[in-house]
Amino acid sequence: MSVSTSFFFHLLGFGLAVTTLVAGYVLERKFRSEQDLNLKLYVGGLARTMGLLSPFAVLLLLITGIGNIFNRYAGTSTSWYQEGWLAAKIIFFVMLTLNGMIYGPKISRSRTKLVKSLQENSAPAGAEKTLASLNHQLMLFYLVQSVLLLIIVYLSLLGTGKHPGAF
């Protein structure tokens, strides 16, 4: 991949990641405000569909990120792991990915299962309190994902390769 092609697709992957994050947050807010359980399940299904796009964004960012690293450091005496901002960016990307693969879907599945049991009138005692707790956990998930993504953007914009002396 040439530098411009790799960078273009990296930006495309970032756009896809932001889109899935923002859409997930918006659908989460709609889920919370909806009173009808059927519509809650429908909105939850839409959120799941949007969430299925995130592995494509991660894969695109990973492949093009490796291409960008190769293009940036090929033929130089500097190794990518010697750049603190890049190593930190990779660590935060791994945290963002693992958090998105493990916690978000787990909480979402639990919540959907609980709403289905509420719809069928077979919910356990304290289901409303559990639902409120799951809603809170999912909101924290979106907050953490947003913070991690903003940290990655900050590191990308202010890495030493762009502004010597910033890190």
N, C-alpha and C. Protein backbone atom coordinates (compact mmCIF):
# COMPACT_ATOMS: atom_id res chain seq x y z
N MET A 1 0.83 -1.18 0.00
CA MET A 1 0.00 0.00 0.00
C MET A 1 0.88 1.24 0.00
N SER A 2 0.54 2.17 -0.80
CA SER A 2 1.29 3.42 -0.78
C SER A 2 0.84 4.24 0.43
N VAL A 3 1.62 5.23 0.75
CA VAL A 3 1.35 6.04 1.93
C VAL A 3 -0.03 6.66 1.86
N SER A 4 -0.38 7.28 0.77
CA SER A 4 -1.66 7.97 0.68
C SER A 4 -2.84 7.00 0.71
N THR A 5 -2.70 5.85 0.08
CA THR A 5 -3.79 4.86 0.07
C THR A 5 -3.99 4.29 1.46
N SER A 6 -2.92 3.94 2.12
CA SER A 6 -3.00 3.39 3.47
C SER A 6 -3.60 4.41 4.43
N PHE A 7 -3.15 5.64 4.33
CA PHE A 7 -3.65 6.69 5.20
C PHE A 7 -5.13 6.96 4.94
N PHE A 8 -5.52 6.98 3.67
CA PHE A 8 -6.93 7.20 3.31
C PHE A 8 -7.81 6.12 3.94
N PHE A 9 -7.43 4.86 3.80
CA PHE A 9 -8.23 3.78 4.36
C PHE A 9 -8.18 3.77 5.89
N HIS A 10 -7.09 4.27 6.46
CA HIS A 10 -7.00 4.40 7.91
C HIS A 10 -8.03 5.44 8.39
N LEU A 11 -8.12 6.55 7.69
CA LEU A 11 -9.12 7.56 8.03
C LEU A 11 -10.54 7.02 7.83
N LEU A 12 -10.73 6.22 6.80
CA LEU A 12 -12.02 5.58 6.56
C LEU A 12 -12.38 4.65 7.72
N GLY A 13 -11.43 3.86 8.18
CA GLY A 13 -11.64 2.98 9.33
C GLY A 13 -11.96 3.77 10.59
N PHE A 14 -11.27 4.89 10.78
CA PHE A 14 -11.55 5.75 11.93
C PHE A 14 -12.97 6.30 11.85
N GLY A 15 -13.37 6.73 10.68
CA GLY A 15 -14.73 7.23 10.48
C GLY A 15 -15.77 6.16 10.79
N LEU A 16 -15.50 4.94 10.37
CA LEU A 16 -16.40 3.82 10.65
C LEU A 16 -16.47 3.54 12.15
N ALA A 17 -15.33 3.62 12.82
CA ALA A 17 -15.31 3.40 14.28
C ALA A 17 -16.10 4.49 15.01
N VAL A 18 -15.92 5.73 14.60
CA VAL A 18 -16.66 6.83 15.22
C VAL A 18 -18.16 6.68 14.94
N THR A 19 -18.50 6.30 13.73
CA THR A 19 -19.90 6.12 13.37
C THR A 19 -20.56 5.05 14.24
N THR A 20 -19.90 3.92 14.42
CA THR A 20 -20.49 2.86 15.24
C THR A 20 -20.60 3.29 16.70
N LEU A 21 -19.63 4.03 17.18
CA LEU A 21 -19.67 4.51 18.56
C LEU A 21 -20.80 5.51 18.78
N VAL A 22 -20.92 6.48 17.89
CA VAL A 22 -21.97 7.50 18.02
C VAL A 22 -23.35 6.87 17.83
N ALA A 23 -23.48 6.01 16.83
CA ALA A 23 -24.78 5.35 16.60
C ALA A 23 -25.15 4.48 17.80
N GLY A 24 -24.19 3.79 18.36
CA GLY A 24 -24.47 2.98 19.55
C GLY A 24 -24.94 3.82 20.71
N TYR A 25 -24.30 4.97 20.90
CA TYR A 25 -24.71 5.87 21.98
C TYR A 25 -26.12 6.41 21.75
N VAL A 26 -26.41 6.84 20.54
CA VAL A 26 -27.74 7.38 20.22
C VAL A 26 -28.81 6.31 20.41
N LEU A 27 -28.53 5.10 19.94
CA LEU A 27 -29.50 4.01 20.10
C LEU A 27 -29.64 3.62 21.57
N GLU A 28 -28.57 3.73 22.33
CA GLU A 28 -28.64 3.47 23.77
C GLU A 28 -29.58 4.46 24.46
N ARG A 29 -29.46 5.73 24.10
CA ARG A 29 -30.35 6.75 24.67
C ARG A 29 -31.80 6.49 24.28
N LYS A 30 -32.01 6.08 23.04
CA LYS A 30 -33.37 5.77 22.58
C LYS A 30 -33.91 4.55 23.32
N PHE A 31 -33.07 3.55 23.54
CA PHE A 31 -33.48 2.35 24.26
C PHE A 31 -33.95 2.71 25.67
N ARG A 32 -33.20 3.56 26.33
CA ARG A 32 -33.55 3.96 27.70
C ARG A 32 -34.86 4.74 27.76
N SER A 33 -35.11 5.57 26.77
CA SER A 33 -36.30 6.42 26.81
C SER A 33 -37.57 5.69 26.36
N GLU A 34 -37.42 4.58 25.66
CA GLU A 34 -38.57 3.85 25.13
C GLU A 34 -39.29 3.10 26.25
N GLN A 35 -40.62 3.20 26.27
CA GLN A 35 -41.42 2.52 27.28
C GLN A 35 -41.94 1.16 26.80
N ASP A 36 -42.25 1.07 25.52
CA ASP A 36 -42.77 -0.17 24.95
C ASP A 36 -41.66 -1.21 24.83
N LEU A 37 -41.88 -2.39 25.41
CA LEU A 37 -40.85 -3.42 25.42
C LEU A 37 -40.54 -3.94 24.01
N ASN A 38 -41.55 -4.00 23.14
CA ASN A 38 -41.30 -4.43 21.77
C ASN A 38 -40.38 -3.47 21.05
N LEU A 39 -40.62 -2.17 21.25
CA LEU A 39 -39.74 -1.18 20.63
C LEU A 39 -38.35 -1.18 21.26
N LYS A 40 -38.27 -1.48 22.55
CA LYS A 40 -36.96 -1.61 23.19
C LYS A 40 -36.16 -2.73 22.52
N LEU A 41 -36.82 -3.86 22.29
CA LEU A 41 -36.14 -4.99 21.64
C LEU A 41 -35.74 -4.64 20.21
N TYR A 42 -36.59 -3.89 19.52
CA TYR A 42 -36.27 -3.47 18.16
C TYR A 42 -35.05 -2.55 18.14
N VAL A 43 -35.04 -1.57 19.05
CA VAL A 43 -33.90 -0.64 19.14
C VAL A 43 -32.64 -1.41 19.54
N GLY A 44 -32.79 -2.37 20.45
CA GLY A 44 -31.65 -3.21 20.84
C GLY A 44 -31.11 -3.99 19.66
N GLY A 45 -32.00 -4.47 18.79
CA GLY A 45 -31.58 -5.18 17.58
C GLY A 45 -30.84 -4.27 16.62
N LEU A 46 -31.32 -3.02 16.50
CA LEU A 46 -30.61 -2.04 15.66
C LEU A 46 -29.21 -1.76 16.21
N ALA A 47 -29.13 -1.63 17.53
CA ALA A 47 -27.82 -1.37 18.15
C ALA A 47 -26.88 -2.55 17.92
N ARG A 48 -27.42 -3.75 17.98
CA ARG A 48 -26.59 -4.94 17.73
C ARG A 48 -26.09 -4.94 16.28
N THR A 49 -26.96 -4.57 15.36
CA THR A 49 -26.57 -4.51 13.95
C THR A 49 -25.46 -3.48 13.74
N MET A 50 -25.59 -2.32 14.38
CA MET A 50 -24.53 -1.30 14.27
C MET A 50 -23.24 -1.80 14.92
N GLY A 51 -23.38 -2.52 16.02
CA GLY A 51 -22.21 -3.06 16.70
C GLY A 51 -21.47 -4.08 15.87
N LEU A 52 -22.17 -4.74 14.96
CA LEU A 52 -21.52 -5.73 14.09
C LEU A 52 -20.57 -5.08 13.09
N LEU A 53 -20.70 -3.77 12.89
CA LEU A 53 -19.77 -3.06 12.00
C LEU A 53 -18.41 -2.80 12.66
N SER A 54 -18.38 -2.79 13.99
CA SER A 54 -17.14 -2.43 14.67
C SER A 54 -15.97 -3.38 14.39
N PRO A 55 -16.17 -4.70 14.25
CA PRO A 55 -15.01 -5.53 13.90
C PRO A 55 -14.39 -5.16 12.55
N PHE A 56 -15.22 -4.71 11.62
CA PHE A 56 -14.68 -4.27 10.33
C PHE A 56 -13.84 -3.01 10.49
N ALA A 57 -14.30 -2.10 11.35
CA ALA A 57 -13.53 -0.88 11.61
C ALA A 57 -12.20 -1.23 12.28
N VAL A 58 -12.23 -2.15 13.24
CA VAL A 58 -11.01 -2.56 13.94
C VAL A 58 -10.04 -3.22 12.97
N LEU A 59 -10.54 -4.11 12.14
CA LEU A 59 -9.69 -4.80 11.17
C LEU A 59 -9.08 -3.81 10.18
N LEU A 60 -9.89 -2.89 9.69
CA LEU A 60 -9.39 -1.88 8.75
C LEU A 60 -8.34 -0.99 9.42
N LEU A 61 -8.59 -0.57 10.65
CA LEU A 61 -7.62 0.25 11.37
C LEU A 61 -6.33 -0.52 11.64
N LEU A 62 -6.46 -1.78 11.97
CA LEU A 62 -5.28 -2.59 12.25
C LEU A 62 -4.41 -2.78 11.01
N ILE A 63 -5.02 -3.18 9.91
CA ILE A 63 -4.26 -3.42 8.68
C ILE A 63 -3.62 -2.14 8.15
N THR A 64 -4.40 -1.07 8.10
CA THR A 64 -3.85 0.18 7.57
C THR A 64 -2.87 0.82 8.55
N GLY A 65 -3.07 0.59 9.86
CA GLY A 65 -2.12 1.09 10.85
C GLY A 65 -0.77 0.43 10.68
N ILE A 66 -0.78 -0.88 10.44
CA ILE A 66 0.49 -1.59 10.19
C ILE A 66 1.13 -1.06 8.91
N GLY A 67 0.30 -0.81 7.89
CA GLY A 67 0.82 -0.24 6.65
C GLY A 67 1.41 1.14 6.86
N ASN A 68 0.76 1.95 7.66
CA ASN A 68 1.28 3.29 7.96
C ASN A 68 2.59 3.22 8.73
N ILE A 69 2.67 2.30 9.68
CA ILE A 69 3.93 2.13 10.43
C ILE A 69 5.05 1.70 9.50
N PHE A 70 4.75 0.75 8.64
CA PHE A 70 5.76 0.29 7.69
C PHE A 70 6.21 1.43 6.77
N ASN A 71 5.27 2.20 6.25
CA ASN A 71 5.60 3.31 5.36
C ASN A 71 6.39 4.39 6.08
N ARG A 72 6.09 4.62 7.33
CA ARG A 72 6.76 5.69 8.07
C ARG A 72 8.18 5.30 8.47
N TYR A 73 8.41 4.05 8.84
CA TYR A 73 9.70 3.67 9.39
C TYR A 73 10.55 2.82 8.46
N ALA A 74 10.07 2.49 7.28
CA ALA A 74 10.87 1.70 6.34
C ALA A 74 12.07 2.53 5.88
N GLY A 75 13.23 1.96 6.00
CA GLY A 75 14.45 2.64 5.54
C GLY A 75 15.02 3.64 6.52
N THR A 76 14.47 3.73 7.72
CA THR A 76 15.03 4.64 8.72
C THR A 76 15.70 3.83 9.82
N SER A 77 16.50 4.49 10.60
CA SER A 77 17.18 3.79 11.70
C SER A 77 16.31 3.74 12.96
N THR A 78 15.19 4.43 12.96
CA THR A 78 14.30 4.46 14.10
C THR A 78 13.30 3.32 14.02
N SER A 79 13.06 2.66 15.14
CA SER A 79 12.05 1.61 15.22
C SER A 79 10.76 2.21 15.77
N TRP A 80 9.65 1.63 15.37
CA TRP A 80 8.36 2.18 15.81
C TRP A 80 8.20 2.11 17.32
N TYR A 81 8.74 1.07 17.95
CA TYR A 81 8.55 0.92 19.40
C TYR A 81 9.40 1.91 20.20
N GLN A 82 10.30 2.63 19.53
CA GLN A 82 11.07 3.67 20.21
C GLN A 82 10.29 4.97 20.30
N GLU A 83 9.20 5.06 19.56
CA GLU A 83 8.34 6.25 19.59
C GLU A 83 7.29 6.03 20.68
N GLY A 84 7.40 6.77 21.78
CA GLY A 84 6.49 6.59 22.90
C GLY A 84 5.03 6.82 22.56
N TRP A 85 4.78 7.85 21.74
CA TRP A 85 3.40 8.16 21.40
C TRP A 85 2.77 7.03 20.60
N LEU A 86 3.54 6.38 19.72
CA LEU A 86 3.01 5.31 18.90
C LEU A 86 2.76 4.05 19.73
N ALA A 87 3.69 3.75 20.64
CA ALA A 87 3.49 2.59 21.53
C ALA A 87 2.27 2.81 22.41
N ALA A 88 2.11 4.03 22.94
CA ALA A 88 0.95 4.34 23.76
C ALA A 88 -0.34 4.25 22.94
N LYS A 89 -0.29 4.72 21.71
CA LYS A 89 -1.47 4.66 20.84
C LYS A 89 -1.87 3.20 20.59
N ILE A 90 -0.91 2.35 20.37
CA ILE A 90 -1.20 0.93 20.14
C ILE A 90 -1.80 0.30 21.40
N ILE A 91 -1.27 0.65 22.56
CA ILE A 91 -1.80 0.11 23.82
C ILE A 91 -3.25 0.55 24.01
N PHE A 92 -3.54 1.83 23.77
CA PHE A 92 -4.92 2.31 23.91
C PHE A 92 -5.83 1.69 22.86
N PHE A 93 -5.32 1.43 21.67
CA PHE A 93 -6.12 0.77 20.63
C PHE A 93 -6.48 -0.65 21.07
N VAL A 94 -5.52 -1.35 21.66
CA VAL A 94 -5.79 -2.71 22.16
C VAL A 94 -6.84 -2.65 23.27
N MET A 95 -6.72 -1.69 24.18
CA MET A 95 -7.71 -1.54 25.25
C MET A 95 -9.09 -1.25 24.68
N LEU A 96 -9.17 -0.36 23.71
CA LEU A 96 -10.43 -0.02 23.05
C LEU A 96 -11.04 -1.25 22.40
N THR A 97 -10.22 -2.02 21.71
CA THR A 97 -10.70 -3.21 21.01
C THR A 97 -11.19 -4.28 21.98
N LEU A 98 -10.39 -4.57 23.00
CA LEU A 98 -10.78 -5.60 23.96
C LEU A 98 -12.03 -5.20 24.74
N ASN A 99 -12.11 -3.95 25.14
CA ASN A 99 -13.30 -3.46 25.84
C ASN A 99 -14.53 -3.60 24.94
N GLY A 100 -14.38 -3.27 23.66
CA GLY A 100 -15.49 -3.36 22.72
C GLY A 100 -15.88 -4.79 22.39
N MET A 101 -14.92 -5.70 22.43
CA MET A 101 -15.21 -7.10 22.11
C MET A 101 -15.77 -7.87 23.30
N ILE A 102 -15.40 -7.48 24.50
CA ILE A 102 -15.78 -8.27 25.68
C ILE A 102 -16.96 -7.66 26.43
N TYR A 103 -16.80 -6.45 26.91
CA TYR A 103 -17.79 -5.90 27.84
C TYR A 103 -19.07 -5.41 27.18
N GLY A 104 -18.96 -4.66 26.11
CA GLY A 104 -20.16 -4.14 25.45
C GLY A 104 -21.15 -5.22 25.04
N PRO A 105 -20.71 -6.21 24.27
CA PRO A 105 -21.65 -7.27 23.87
C PRO A 105 -22.20 -8.07 25.05
N LYS A 106 -21.37 -8.29 26.06
CA LYS A 106 -21.82 -9.06 27.23
C LYS A 106 -22.96 -8.33 27.95
N ILE A 107 -22.78 -7.04 28.19
CA ILE A 107 -23.81 -6.25 28.86
C ILE A 107 -25.05 -6.17 28.00
N SER A 108 -24.86 -5.94 26.71
CA SER A 108 -26.00 -5.82 25.79
C SER A 108 -26.81 -7.11 25.72
N ARG A 109 -26.13 -8.26 25.66
CA ARG A 109 -26.84 -9.55 25.64
C ARG A 109 -27.63 -9.76 26.92
N SER A 110 -27.04 -9.45 28.05
CA SER A 110 -27.73 -9.60 29.33
C SER A 110 -28.98 -8.72 29.39
N ARG A 111 -28.84 -7.50 28.90
CA ARG A 111 -29.97 -6.58 28.92
C ARG A 111 -31.08 -7.04 27.99
N THR A 112 -30.72 -7.50 26.80
CA THR A 112 -31.73 -7.99 25.85
C THR A 112 -32.46 -9.20 26.42
N LYS A 113 -31.72 -10.09 27.04
CA LYS A 113 -32.33 -11.28 27.66
C LYS A 113 -33.31 -10.86 28.77
N LEU A 114 -32.93 -9.88 29.55
CA LEU A 114 -33.79 -9.40 30.62
C LEU A 114 -35.06 -8.74 30.07
N VAL A 115 -34.92 -7.94 29.03
CA VAL A 115 -36.09 -7.29 28.44
C VAL A 115 -37.03 -8.34 27.83
N LYS A 116 -36.47 -9.36 27.21
CA LYS A 116 -37.31 -10.44 26.68
C LYS A 116 -38.08 -11.14 27.80
N SER A 117 -37.41 -11.36 28.92
CA SER A 117 -38.11 -12.00 30.04
C SER A 117 -39.18 -11.07 30.63
N LEU A 118 -38.93 -9.76 30.63
CA LEU A 118 -39.96 -8.81 31.06
C LEU A 118 -41.15 -8.84 30.12
N GLN A 119 -40.88 -8.94 28.83
CA GLN A 119 -41.94 -8.97 27.83
C GLN A 119 -42.81 -10.22 27.99
N GLU A 120 -42.18 -11.34 28.35
CA GLU A 120 -42.89 -12.61 28.49
C GLU A 120 -43.45 -12.79 29.91
N ASN A 121 -43.32 -11.77 30.76
CA ASN A 121 -43.78 -11.82 32.16
C ASN A 121 -43.14 -12.97 32.94
N SER A 122 -41.91 -13.30 32.61
CA SER A 122 -41.20 -14.35 33.33
C SER A 122 -39.90 -13.81 33.94
N ALA A 123 -39.89 -12.52 34.18
CA ALA A 123 -38.68 -11.87 34.71
C ALA A 123 -38.50 -12.21 36.18
N PRO A 124 -37.26 -12.33 36.62
CA PRO A 124 -37.00 -12.59 38.04
C PRO A 124 -37.35 -11.36 38.88
N ALA A 125 -37.44 -11.57 40.17
CA ALA A 125 -37.71 -10.45 41.08
C ALA A 125 -36.57 -9.43 40.99
N GLY A 126 -36.92 -8.17 41.03
CA GLY A 126 -35.91 -7.11 40.95
C GLY A 126 -35.40 -6.86 39.54
N ALA A 127 -36.19 -7.26 38.54
CA ALA A 127 -35.74 -7.12 37.15
C ALA A 127 -35.59 -5.66 36.75
N GLU A 128 -36.46 -4.80 37.24
CA GLU A 128 -36.37 -3.37 36.89
C GLU A 128 -35.07 -2.76 37.43
N LYS A 129 -34.71 -3.16 38.63
CA LYS A 129 -33.47 -2.66 39.22
C LYS A 129 -32.26 -3.19 38.45
N THR A 130 -32.32 -4.45 38.06
CA THR A 130 -31.24 -5.05 37.27
C THR A 130 -31.12 -4.36 35.91
N LEU A 131 -32.27 -4.06 35.30
CA LEU A 131 -32.27 -3.36 34.01
C LEU A 131 -31.65 -1.98 34.14
N ALA A 132 -31.98 -1.28 35.20
CA ALA A 132 -31.39 0.05 35.43
C ALA A 132 -29.87 -0.07 35.61
N SER A 133 -29.45 -1.10 36.30
CA SER A 133 -28.01 -1.32 36.50
C SER A 133 -27.31 -1.63 35.17
N LEU A 134 -27.93 -2.46 34.35
CA LEU A 134 -27.34 -2.79 33.05
C LEU A 134 -27.30 -1.56 32.14
N ASN A 135 -28.35 -0.74 32.21
CA ASN A 135 -28.36 0.51 31.42
C ASN A 135 -27.20 1.41 31.85
N HIS A 136 -26.98 1.50 33.15
CA HIS A 136 -25.88 2.32 33.68
C HIS A 136 -24.53 1.76 33.21
N GLN A 137 -24.38 0.44 33.27
CA GLN A 137 -23.13 -0.19 32.83
C GLN A 137 -22.86 0.07 31.36
N LEU A 138 -23.90 0.01 30.55
CA LEU A 138 -23.72 0.23 29.11
C LEU A 138 -23.37 1.70 28.83
N MET A 139 -23.94 2.61 29.61
CA MET A 139 -23.60 4.01 29.44
C MET A 139 -22.14 4.25 29.82
N LEU A 140 -21.67 3.60 30.88
CA LEU A 140 -20.26 3.70 31.26
C LEU A 140 -19.37 3.10 30.17
N PHE A 141 -19.83 2.02 29.56
CA PHE A 141 -19.08 1.41 28.46
C PHE A 141 -18.88 2.43 27.33
N TYR A 142 -19.94 3.13 26.94
CA TYR A 142 -19.81 4.12 25.87
C TYR A 142 -18.93 5.30 26.29
N LEU A 143 -18.98 5.66 27.56
CA LEU A 143 -18.12 6.73 28.05
C LEU A 143 -16.64 6.32 27.97
N VAL A 144 -16.33 5.10 28.43
CA VAL A 144 -14.95 4.61 28.39
C VAL A 144 -14.47 4.51 26.94
N GLN A 145 -15.31 3.98 26.05
CA GLN A 145 -14.93 3.86 24.65
C GLN A 145 -14.64 5.23 24.04
N SER A 146 -15.47 6.20 24.38
CA SER A 146 -15.26 7.56 23.85
C SER A 146 -13.96 8.17 24.36
N VAL A 147 -13.69 7.99 25.65
CA VAL A 147 -12.44 8.52 26.22
C VAL A 147 -11.23 7.86 25.58
N LEU A 148 -11.28 6.54 25.43
CA LEU A 148 -10.16 5.84 24.79
C LEU A 148 -9.94 6.33 23.36
N LEU A 149 -11.03 6.52 22.63
CA LEU A 149 -10.91 7.00 21.25
C LEU A 149 -10.35 8.42 21.21
N LEU A 150 -10.76 9.26 22.13
CA LEU A 150 -10.22 10.62 22.17
C LEU A 150 -8.73 10.63 22.54
N ILE A 151 -8.32 9.73 23.41
CA ILE A 151 -6.90 9.61 23.75
C ILE A 151 -6.10 9.20 22.50
N ILE A 152 -6.65 8.26 21.74
CA ILE A 152 -5.97 7.81 20.51
C ILE A 152 -5.86 8.96 19.52
N VAL A 153 -6.92 9.74 19.38
CA VAL A 153 -6.88 10.90 18.47
C VAL A 153 -5.84 11.91 18.96
N TYR A 154 -5.81 12.17 20.25
CA TYR A 154 -4.84 13.10 20.82
C TYR A 154 -3.41 12.63 20.52
N LEU A 155 -3.15 11.35 20.75
CA LEU A 155 -1.81 10.82 20.48
C LEU A 155 -1.48 10.87 19.00
N SER A 156 -2.47 10.65 18.16
CA SER A 156 -2.24 10.70 16.71
C SER A 156 -1.90 12.11 16.24
N LEU A 157 -2.57 13.08 16.81
CA LEU A 157 -2.36 14.46 16.38
C LEU A 157 -1.11 15.08 16.98
N LEU A 158 -0.73 14.65 18.18
CA LEU A 158 0.39 15.29 18.86
C LEU A 158 1.59 14.38 19.07
N GLY A 159 1.67 13.29 18.32
CA GLY A 159 2.84 12.42 18.42
C GLY A 159 4.10 13.16 18.01
N THR A 160 5.26 12.69 18.47
CA THR A 160 6.51 13.40 18.21
C THR A 160 6.84 13.47 16.73
N GLY A 161 6.30 12.57 15.94
CA GLY A 161 6.55 12.61 14.50
C GLY A 161 5.92 13.83 13.86
N LYS A 162 4.89 14.36 14.49
CA LYS A 162 4.20 15.53 13.94
C LYS A 162 4.72 16.82 14.54
N HIS A 163 4.93 16.81 15.86
CA HIS A 163 5.37 17.99 16.57
C HIS A 163 6.50 17.60 17.51
N PRO A 164 7.74 17.68 17.04
CA PRO A 164 8.89 17.26 17.88
C PRO A 164 8.89 18.01 19.20
N GLY A 165 9.11 17.25 20.26
CA GLY A 165 9.17 17.84 21.58
C GLY A 165 7.88 17.80 22.35
N ALA A 166 6.77 17.42 21.70
CA ALA A 166 5.50 17.38 22.41
C ALA A 166 5.45 16.23 23.40
N PHE A 167 6.17 15.14 23.14
CA PHE A 167 6.19 14.00 24.05
C PHE A 167 7.61 13.61 24.34
